[in-house]
Amino acid sequence: TVTLTNADDGRTVTVARGDTVTVKLTGIRDQG
């Protein structure tokens, strides 16, 4: 399993068939 987050924007990853790619993006609160 490869996990991608906010910091992985623009990144390229290589996986094999059958692998899992999980994406976890975090929301941002700022000044209302």
Full PDB file with SEQRES, HELIX, SHEET, SSBOND, CRYST1, ORIGX, SCALE, CONECT and MASTER records, all heavy atoms in Angstrom:
SEQRES   1 A   32  THR VAL THR LEU THR ASN ALA ASP ASP GLY ARG THR VAL          
SEQRES   2 A   32  THR VAL ALA ARG GLY ASP THR VAL THR VAL LYS LEU THR          
SEQRES   3 A   32  GLY ILE ARG ASP GLN GLY                                      
HELIX    1 AA1 ASN A    6  ASP A    8  5                                   3    
SHEET    1 AA1 2 VAL A   2  LEU A   4  0                                        
SHEET    2 AA1 2 VAL A  21  VAL A  23  1                                        
CRYST1    1.000    1.000    1.000  90.00  90.00  90.00 P 1           1          
ORIGX1      1.000000  0.000000  0.000000        0.00000                         
ORIGX2      0.000000  1.000000  0.000000        0.00000                         
ORIGX3      0.000000  0.000000  1.000000        0.00000                         
SCALE1      1.000000  0.000000  0.000000        0.00000                         
SCALE2      0.000000  1.000000  0.000000        0.00000                         
SCALE3      0.000000  0.000000  1.000000        0.00000                         
ATOM      1  N   THR A   1       0.850  -1.190   0.000  1.00  0.00           N  
ATOM      2  CA  THR A   1       0.000   0.000   0.000  1.00  0.00           C  
ATOM      3  C   THR A   1       0.880   1.232   0.000  1.00  0.00           C  
ATOM      4  O   THR A   1       1.807   1.335   0.796  1.00  0.00           O  
ATOM      5  CB  THR A   1      -0.924   0.018   1.239  1.00  0.00           C  
ATOM      6  OG1 THR A   1      -1.761  -1.142   1.197  1.00  0.00           O  
ATOM      7  CG2 THR A   1      -1.775   1.259   1.268  1.00  0.00           C  
ATOM      8  N   VAL A   2       0.585   2.157  -0.914  1.00  0.00           N  
ATOM      9  CA  VAL A   2       1.274   3.442  -0.984  1.00  0.00           C  
ATOM     10  C   VAL A   2       0.253   4.497  -0.572  1.00  0.00           C  
ATOM     11  O   VAL A   2      -0.858   4.528  -1.112  1.00  0.00           O  
ATOM     12  CB  VAL A   2       1.789   3.722  -2.417  1.00  0.00           C  
ATOM     13  CG1 VAL A   2       2.362   5.123  -2.519  1.00  0.00           C  
ATOM     14  CG2 VAL A   2       2.809   2.684  -2.819  1.00  0.00           C  
ATOM     15  N   THR A   3       0.620   5.351   0.380  1.00  0.00           N  
ATOM     16  CA  THR A   3      -0.283   6.402   0.846  1.00  0.00           C  
ATOM     17  C   THR A   3       0.217   7.757   0.378  1.00  0.00           C  
ATOM     18  O   THR A   3       1.385   8.090   0.575  1.00  0.00           O  
ATOM     19  CB  THR A   3      -0.394   6.374   2.386  1.00  0.00           C  
ATOM     20  OG1 THR A   3      -0.872   5.077   2.783  1.00  0.00           O  
ATOM     21  CG2 THR A   3      -1.350   7.440   2.885  1.00  0.00           C  
ATOM     22  N   LEU A   4      -0.680   8.526  -0.231  1.00  0.00           N  
ATOM     23  CA  LEU A   4      -0.374   9.868  -0.711  1.00  0.00           C  
ATOM     24  C   LEU A   4      -1.150  10.888   0.120  1.00  0.00           C  
ATOM     25  O   LEU A   4      -2.312  10.665   0.456  1.00  0.00           O  
ATOM     26  CB  LEU A   4      -0.758  10.001  -2.192  1.00  0.00           C  
ATOM     27  CG  LEU A   4      -0.077   9.010  -3.140  1.00  0.00           C  
ATOM     28  CD1 LEU A   4      -0.697   9.096  -4.532  1.00  0.00           C  
ATOM     29  CD2 LEU A   4       1.414   9.277  -3.196  1.00  0.00           C  
ATOM     30  N   THR A   5      -0.494  12.017   0.432  1.00  0.00           N  
ATOM     31  CA  THR A   5      -1.105  13.065   1.259  1.00  0.00           C  
ATOM     32  C   THR A   5      -0.986  14.417   0.556  1.00  0.00           C  
ATOM     33  O   THR A   5      -0.470  14.504  -0.562  1.00  0.00           O  
ATOM     34  CB  THR A   5      -0.415  13.139   2.631  1.00  0.00           C  
ATOM     35  OG1 THR A   5       0.935  13.572   2.431  1.00  0.00           O  
ATOM     36  CG2 THR A   5      -0.432  11.803   3.358  1.00  0.00           C  
ATOM     37  N   ASN A   6      -1.397  15.478   1.241  1.00  0.00           N  
ATOM     38  CA  ASN A   6      -1.300  16.837   0.694  1.00  0.00           C  
ATOM     39  C   ASN A   6       0.103  17.122   0.174  1.00  0.00           C  
ATOM     40  O   ASN A   6       0.269  17.763  -0.862  1.00  0.00           O  
ATOM     41  CB  ASN A   6      -1.636  17.881   1.771  1.00  0.00           C  
ATOM     42  CG  ASN A   6      -3.061  17.809   2.247  1.00  0.00           C  
ATOM     43  OD1 ASN A   6      -3.653  16.745   2.331  1.00  0.00           O  
ATOM     44  ND2 ASN A   6      -3.631  18.952   2.580  1.00  0.00           N  
ATOM     45  N   ALA A   7       1.117  16.672   0.873  1.00  0.00           N  
ATOM     46  CA  ALA A   7       2.516  16.953   0.530  1.00  0.00           C  
ATOM     47  C   ALA A   7       2.964  16.269  -0.757  1.00  0.00           C  
ATOM     48  O   ALA A   7       4.014  16.614  -1.301  1.00  0.00           O  
ATOM     49  CB  ALA A   7       3.425  16.535   1.679  1.00  0.00           C  
ATOM     50  N   ASP A   8       2.189  15.316  -1.269  1.00  0.00           N  
ATOM     51  CA  ASP A   8       2.591  14.565  -2.460  1.00  0.00           C  
ATOM     52  C   ASP A   8       2.090  15.184  -3.766  1.00  0.00           C  
ATOM     53  O   ASP A   8       2.190  14.561  -4.824  1.00  0.00           O  
ATOM     54  CB  ASP A   8       2.121  13.111  -2.344  1.00  0.00           C  
ATOM     55  CG  ASP A   8       2.829  12.396  -1.215  1.00  0.00           C  
ATOM     56  OD1 ASP A   8       4.064  12.441  -1.186  1.00  0.00           O  
ATOM     57  OD2 ASP A   8       2.141  11.808  -0.359  1.00  0.00           O  
ATOM     58  N   ASP A   9       1.588  16.400  -3.717  1.00  0.00           N  
ATOM     59  CA  ASP A   9       1.134  17.084  -4.929  1.00  0.00           C  
ATOM     60  C   ASP A   9       2.293  17.168  -5.924  1.00  0.00           C  
ATOM     61  O   ASP A   9       3.399  17.581  -5.576  1.00  0.00           O  
ATOM     62  CB  ASP A   9       0.642  18.489  -4.583  1.00  0.00           C  
ATOM     63  CG  ASP A   9       0.090  19.226  -5.787  1.00  0.00           C  
ATOM     64  OD1 ASP A   9      -0.391  18.578  -6.731  1.00  0.00           O  
ATOM     65  OD2 ASP A   9       0.144  20.472  -5.786  1.00  0.00           O  
ATOM     66  N   GLY A  10       2.053  16.706  -7.153  1.00  0.00           N  
ATOM     67  CA  GLY A  10       3.080  16.737  -8.187  1.00  0.00           C  
ATOM     68  C   GLY A  10       3.999  15.533  -8.196  1.00  0.00           C  
ATOM     69  O   GLY A  10       4.842  15.404  -9.076  1.00  0.00           O  
ATOM     70  N   ARG A  11       3.855  14.640  -7.276  1.00  0.00           N  
ATOM     71  CA  ARG A  11       4.740  13.478  -7.148  1.00  0.00           C  
ATOM     72  C   ARG A  11       4.339  12.380  -8.141  1.00  0.00           C  
ATOM     73  O   ARG A  11       3.177  12.248  -8.512  1.00  0.00           O  
ATOM     74  CB  ARG A  11       4.651  12.945  -5.724  1.00  0.00           C  
ATOM     75  CG  ARG A  11       5.550  11.777  -5.447  1.00  0.00           C  
ATOM     76  CD  ARG A  11       5.524  11.410  -3.982  1.00  0.00           C  
ATOM     77  NE  ARG A  11       6.296  10.190  -3.795  1.00  0.00           N  
ATOM     78  CZ  ARG A  11       6.061   9.313  -2.853  1.00  0.00           C  
ATOM     79  NH1 ARG A  11       5.110   9.506  -1.982  1.00  0.00           N  
ATOM     80  NH2 ARG A  11       6.792   8.233  -2.749  1.00  0.00           N  
ATOM     81  N   THR A  12       5.314  11.565  -8.550  1.00  0.00           N  
ATOM     82  CA  THR A  12       5.067  10.371  -9.358  1.00  0.00           C  
ATOM     83  C   THR A  12       5.499   9.163  -8.543  1.00  0.00           C  
ATOM     84  O   THR A  12       6.605   9.146  -8.010  1.00  0.00           O  
ATOM     85  CB  THR A  12       5.867  10.419 -10.679  1.00  0.00           C  
ATOM     86  OG1 THR A  12       5.451  11.559 -11.428  1.00  0.00           O  
ATOM     87  CG2 THR A  12       5.641   9.160 -11.499  1.00  0.00           C  
ATOM     88  N   VAL A  13       4.616   8.178  -8.438  1.00  0.00           N  
ATOM     89  CA  VAL A  13       4.938   6.946  -7.717  1.00  0.00           C  
ATOM     90  C   VAL A  13       4.784   5.767  -8.669  1.00  0.00           C  
ATOM     91  O   VAL A  13       3.981   5.813  -9.602  1.00  0.00           O  
ATOM     92  CB  VAL A  13       4.054   6.735  -6.465  1.00  0.00           C  
ATOM     93  CG1 VAL A  13       4.288   7.820  -5.434  1.00  0.00           C  
ATOM     94  CG2 VAL A  13       2.588   6.662  -6.826  1.00  0.00           C  
ATOM     95  N   THR A  14       5.553   4.730  -8.434  1.00  0.00           N  
ATOM     96  CA  THR A  14       5.478   3.514  -9.240  1.00  0.00           C  
ATOM     97  C   THR A  14       5.030   2.363  -8.345  1.00  0.00           C  
ATOM     98  O   THR A  14       5.575   2.180  -7.253  1.00  0.00           O  
ATOM     99  CB  THR A  14       6.852   3.193  -9.869  1.00  0.00           C  
ATOM    100  OG1 THR A  14       7.250   4.308 -10.670  1.00  0.00           O  
ATOM    101  CG2 THR A  14       6.785   1.955 -10.733  1.00  0.00           C  
ATOM    102  N   VAL A  15       4.027   1.633  -8.823  1.00  0.00           N  
ATOM    103  CA  VAL A  15       3.488   0.498  -8.073  1.00  0.00           C  
ATOM    104  C   VAL A  15       3.353  -0.691  -9.021  1.00  0.00           C  
ATOM    105  O   VAL A  15       3.482  -0.549 -10.233  1.00  0.00           O  
ATOM    106  CB  VAL A  15       2.113   0.834  -7.433  1.00  0.00           C  
ATOM    107  CG1 VAL A  15       2.235   1.979  -6.436  1.00  0.00           C  
ATOM    108  CG2 VAL A  15       1.077   1.163  -8.495  1.00  0.00           C  
ATOM    109  N   ALA A  16       3.073  -1.835  -8.459  1.00  0.00           N  
ATOM    110  CA  ALA A  16       2.842  -3.049  -9.249  1.00  0.00           C  
ATOM    111  C   ALA A  16       1.343  -3.329  -9.315  1.00  0.00           C  
ATOM    112  O   ALA A  16       0.577  -2.868  -8.462  1.00  0.00           O  
ATOM    113  CB  ALA A  16       3.568  -4.230  -8.620  1.00  0.00           C  
ATOM    114  N   ARG A  17       0.951  -4.100 -10.324  1.00  0.00           N  
ATOM    115  CA  ARG A  17      -0.461  -4.487 -10.395  1.00  0.00           C  
ATOM    116  C   ARG A  17      -0.837  -5.217  -9.117  1.00  0.00           C  
ATOM    117  O   ARG A  17      -0.073  -6.023  -8.606  1.00  0.00           O  
ATOM    118  CB  ARG A  17      -0.718  -5.368 -11.603  1.00  0.00           C  
ATOM    119  CG  ARG A  17      -0.789  -4.556 -12.878  1.00  0.00           C  
ATOM    120  CD  ARG A  17      -1.231  -5.381 -14.040  1.00  0.00           C  
ATOM    121  NE  ARG A  17      -0.235  -6.420 -14.293  1.00  0.00           N  
ATOM    122  CZ  ARG A  17      -0.368  -7.372 -15.185  1.00  0.00           C  
ATOM    123  NH1 ARG A  17      -1.439  -7.436 -15.927  1.00  0.00           N  
ATOM    124  NH2 ARG A  17       0.573  -8.271 -15.358  1.00  0.00           N  
ATOM    125  N   GLY A  18      -2.012  -4.897  -8.604  1.00  0.00           N  
ATOM    126  CA  GLY A  18      -2.488  -5.506  -7.372  1.00  0.00           C  
ATOM    127  C   GLY A  18      -2.205  -4.672  -6.138  1.00  0.00           C  
ATOM    128  O   GLY A  18      -2.794  -4.897  -5.085  1.00  0.00           O  
ATOM    129  N   ASP A  19      -1.287  -3.708  -6.244  1.00  0.00           N  
ATOM    130  CA  ASP A  19      -0.995  -2.827  -5.105  1.00  0.00           C  
ATOM    131  C   ASP A  19      -2.162  -1.874  -4.864  1.00  0.00           C  
ATOM    132  O   ASP A  19      -3.018  -1.678  -5.725  1.00  0.00           O  
ATOM    133  CB  ASP A  19       0.270  -2.011  -5.358  1.00  0.00           C  
ATOM    134  CG  ASP A  19       1.547  -2.832  -5.241  1.00  0.00           C  
ATOM    135  OD1 ASP A  19       1.478  -3.997  -4.786  1.00  0.00           O  
ATOM    136  OD2 ASP A  19       2.613  -2.312  -5.609  1.00  0.00           O  
ATOM    137  N   THR A  20      -2.169  -1.271  -3.692  1.00  0.00           N  
ATOM    138  CA  THR A  20      -3.204  -0.316  -3.314  1.00  0.00           C  
ATOM    139  C   THR A  20      -2.586   1.067  -3.181  1.00  0.00           C  
ATOM    140  O   THR A  20      -1.508   1.216  -2.602  1.00  0.00           O  
ATOM    141  CB  THR A  20      -3.841  -0.724  -1.963  1.00  0.00           C  
ATOM    142  OG1 THR A  20      -4.409  -2.035  -2.118  1.00  0.00           O  
ATOM    143  CG2 THR A  20      -4.904   0.248  -1.526  1.00  0.00           C  
ATOM    144  N   VAL A  21      -3.279   2.054  -3.718  1.00  0.00           N  
ATOM    145  CA  VAL A  21      -2.875   3.454  -3.566  1.00  0.00           C  
ATOM    146  C   VAL A  21      -3.968   4.133  -2.755  1.00  0.00           C  
ATOM    147  O   VAL A  21      -5.124   4.180  -3.171  1.00  0.00           O  
ATOM    148  CB  VAL A  21      -2.697   4.158  -4.927  1.00  0.00           C  
ATOM    149  CG1 VAL A  21      -2.355   5.623  -4.727  1.00  0.00           C  
ATOM    150  CG2 VAL A  21      -1.631   3.451  -5.759  1.00  0.00           C  
ATOM    151  N   THR A  22      -3.597   4.640  -1.582  1.00  0.00           N  
ATOM    152  CA  THR A  22      -4.534   5.324  -0.710  1.00  0.00           C  
ATOM    153  C   THR A  22      -4.213   6.814  -0.728  1.00  0.00           C  
ATOM    154  O   THR A  22      -3.051   7.192  -0.599  1.00  0.00           O  
ATOM    155  CB  THR A  22      -4.420   4.789   0.736  1.00  0.00           C  
ATOM    156  OG1 THR A  22      -4.692   3.389   0.723  1.00  0.00           O  
ATOM    157  CG2 THR A  22      -5.390   5.481   1.668  1.00  0.00           C  
ATOM    158  N   VAL A  23      -5.233   7.636  -0.891  1.00  0.00           N  
ATOM    159  CA  VAL A  23      -5.064   9.090  -0.878  1.00  0.00           C  
ATOM    160  C   VAL A  23      -5.785   9.627   0.351  1.00  0.00           C  
ATOM    161  O   VAL A  23      -6.960   9.326   0.565  1.00  0.00           O  
ATOM    162  CB  VAL A  23      -5.639   9.735  -2.160  1.00  0.00           C  
ATOM    163  CG1 VAL A  23      -5.494  11.246  -2.114  1.00  0.00           C  
ATOM    164  CG2 VAL A  23      -4.966   9.158  -3.392  1.00  0.00           C  
ATOM    165  N   LYS A  24      -5.051  10.406   1.170  1.00  0.00           N  
ATOM    166  CA  LYS A  24      -5.624  11.019   2.372  1.00  0.00           C  
ATOM    167  C   LYS A  24      -5.274  12.507   2.356  1.00  0.00           C  
ATOM    168  O   LYS A  24      -4.133  12.879   2.635  1.00  0.00           O  
ATOM    169  CB  LYS A  24      -5.067  10.365   3.638  1.00  0.00           C  
ATOM    170  CG  LYS A  24      -5.483   8.927   3.808  1.00  0.00           C  
ATOM    171  CD  LYS A  24      -4.916   8.350   5.085  1.00  0.00           C  
ATOM    172  CE  LYS A  24      -5.347   6.901   5.239  1.00  0.00           C  
ATOM    173  NZ  LYS A  24      -4.821   6.312   6.466  1.00  0.00           N  
ATOM    174  N   LEU A  25      -6.251  13.334   2.007  1.00  0.00           N  
ATOM    175  CA  LEU A  25      -6.038  14.776   1.933  1.00  0.00           C  
ATOM    176  C   LEU A  25      -6.711  15.447   3.123  1.00  0.00           C  
ATOM    177  O   LEU A  25      -7.841  15.117   3.481  1.00  0.00           O  
ATOM    178  CB  LEU A  25      -6.596  15.324   0.616  1.00  0.00           C  
ATOM    179  CG  LEU A  25      -5.977  14.701  -0.641  1.00  0.00           C  
ATOM    180  CD1 LEU A  25      -6.703  15.185  -1.891  1.00  0.00           C  
ATOM    181  CD2 LEU A  25      -4.498  15.014  -0.714  1.00  0.00           C  
ATOM    182  N   THR A  26      -6.005  16.394   3.723  1.00  0.00           N  
ATOM    183  CA  THR A  26      -6.480  17.070   4.923  1.00  0.00           C  
ATOM    184  C   THR A  26      -6.992  18.453   4.571  1.00  0.00           C  
ATOM    185  O   THR A  26      -6.314  19.218   3.875  1.00  0.00           O  
ATOM    186  CB  THR A  26      -5.320  17.207   5.937  1.00  0.00           C  
ATOM    187  OG1 THR A  26      -4.782  15.907   6.174  1.00  0.00           O  
ATOM    188  CG2 THR A  26      -5.793  17.810   7.239  1.00  0.00           C  
ATOM    189  N   GLY A  27      -8.183  18.790   5.059  1.00  0.00           N  
ATOM    190  CA  GLY A  27      -8.745  20.121   4.868  1.00  0.00           C  
ATOM    191  C   GLY A  27      -7.995  21.140   5.713  1.00  0.00           C  
ATOM    192  O   GLY A  27      -7.299  20.800   6.672  1.00  0.00           O  
ATOM    193  N   ILE A  28      -8.143  22.406   5.353  1.00  0.00           N  
ATOM    194  CA  ILE A  28      -7.433  23.480   6.051  1.00  0.00           C  
ATOM    195  C   ILE A  28      -8.447  24.529   6.509  1.00  0.00           C  
ATOM    196  O   ILE A  28      -9.298  24.957   5.726  1.00  0.00           O  
ATOM    197  CB  ILE A  28      -6.383  24.128   5.116  1.00  0.00           C  
ATOM    198  CG1 ILE A  28      -5.376  23.079   4.658  1.00  0.00           C  
ATOM    199  CG2 ILE A  28      -5.702  25.303   5.795  1.00  0.00           C  
ATOM    200  CD1 ILE A  28      -4.486  23.541   3.526  1.00  0.00           C  
ATOM    201  N   ARG A  29      -8.316  24.967   7.754  1.00  0.00           N  
ATOM    202  CA  ARG A  29      -9.124  26.080   8.279  1.00  0.00           C  
ATOM    203  C   ARG A  29      -8.200  27.266   8.488  1.00  0.00           C  
ATOM    204  O   ARG A  29      -7.122  27.127   9.055  1.00  0.00           O  
ATOM    205  CB  ARG A  29      -9.761  25.714   9.618  1.00  0.00           C  
ATOM    206  CG  ARG A  29     -10.899  24.761   9.491  1.00  0.00           C  
ATOM    207  CD  ARG A  29     -11.665  24.724  10.815  1.00  0.00           C  
ATOM    208  NE  ARG A  29     -12.774  23.829  10.713  1.00  0.00           N  
ATOM    209  CZ  ARG A  29     -13.981  24.170  10.259  1.00  0.00           C  
ATOM    210  NH1 ARG A  29     -14.214  25.392   9.878  1.00  0.00           N  
ATOM    211  NH2 ARG A  29     -14.952  23.283  10.207  1.00  0.00           N  
ATOM    212  N   ASP A  30      -8.656  28.426   8.007  1.00  0.00           N  
ATOM    213  CA  ASP A  30      -7.810  29.616   8.131  1.00  0.00           C  
ATOM    214  C   ASP A  30      -8.676  30.869   8.098  1.00  0.00           C  
ATOM    215  O   ASP A  30      -9.354  31.123   7.100  1.00  0.00           O  
ATOM    216  CB  ASP A  30      -6.783  29.642   6.991  1.00  0.00           C  
ATOM    217  CG  ASP A  30      -5.776  30.771   7.125  1.00  0.00           C  
ATOM    218  OD1 ASP A  30      -5.423  31.128   8.261  1.00  0.00           O  
ATOM    219  OD2 ASP A  30      -5.352  31.288   6.076  1.00  0.00           O  
ATOM    220  N   GLN A  31      -8.683  31.644   9.142  1.00  0.00           N  
ATOM    221  CA  GLN A  31      -9.339  32.946   9.236  1.00  0.00           C  
ATOM    222  C   GLN A  31     -10.785  32.943   8.741  1.00  0.00           C  
ATOM    223  O   GLN A  31     -11.171  33.717   7.871  1.00  0.00           O  
ATOM    224  CB  GLN A  31      -8.523  33.996   8.488  1.00  0.00           C  
ATOM    225  CG  GLN A  31      -7.125  34.145   9.046  1.00  0.00           C  
ATOM    226  CD  GLN A  31      -6.289  35.126   8.247  1.00  0.00           C  
ATOM    227  OE1 GLN A  31      -6.760  35.787   7.337  1.00  0.00           O  
ATOM    228  NE2 GLN A  31      -5.024  35.238   8.620  1.00  0.00           N  
ATOM    229  N   GLY A  32     -11.576  32.054   9.285  1.00  0.00           N  
ATOM    230  CA  GLY A  32     -13.001  32.030   8.972  1.00  0.00           C  
ATOM    231  C   GLY A  32     -13.384  31.293   7.702  1.00  0.00           C  
ATOM    232  O   GLY A  32     -14.547  31.307   7.326  1.00  0.00           O  
TER     233      GLY A  32                                                      
MASTER        0    0    0    1    2    0    0    6  232    1    0    3          
END                                                                             
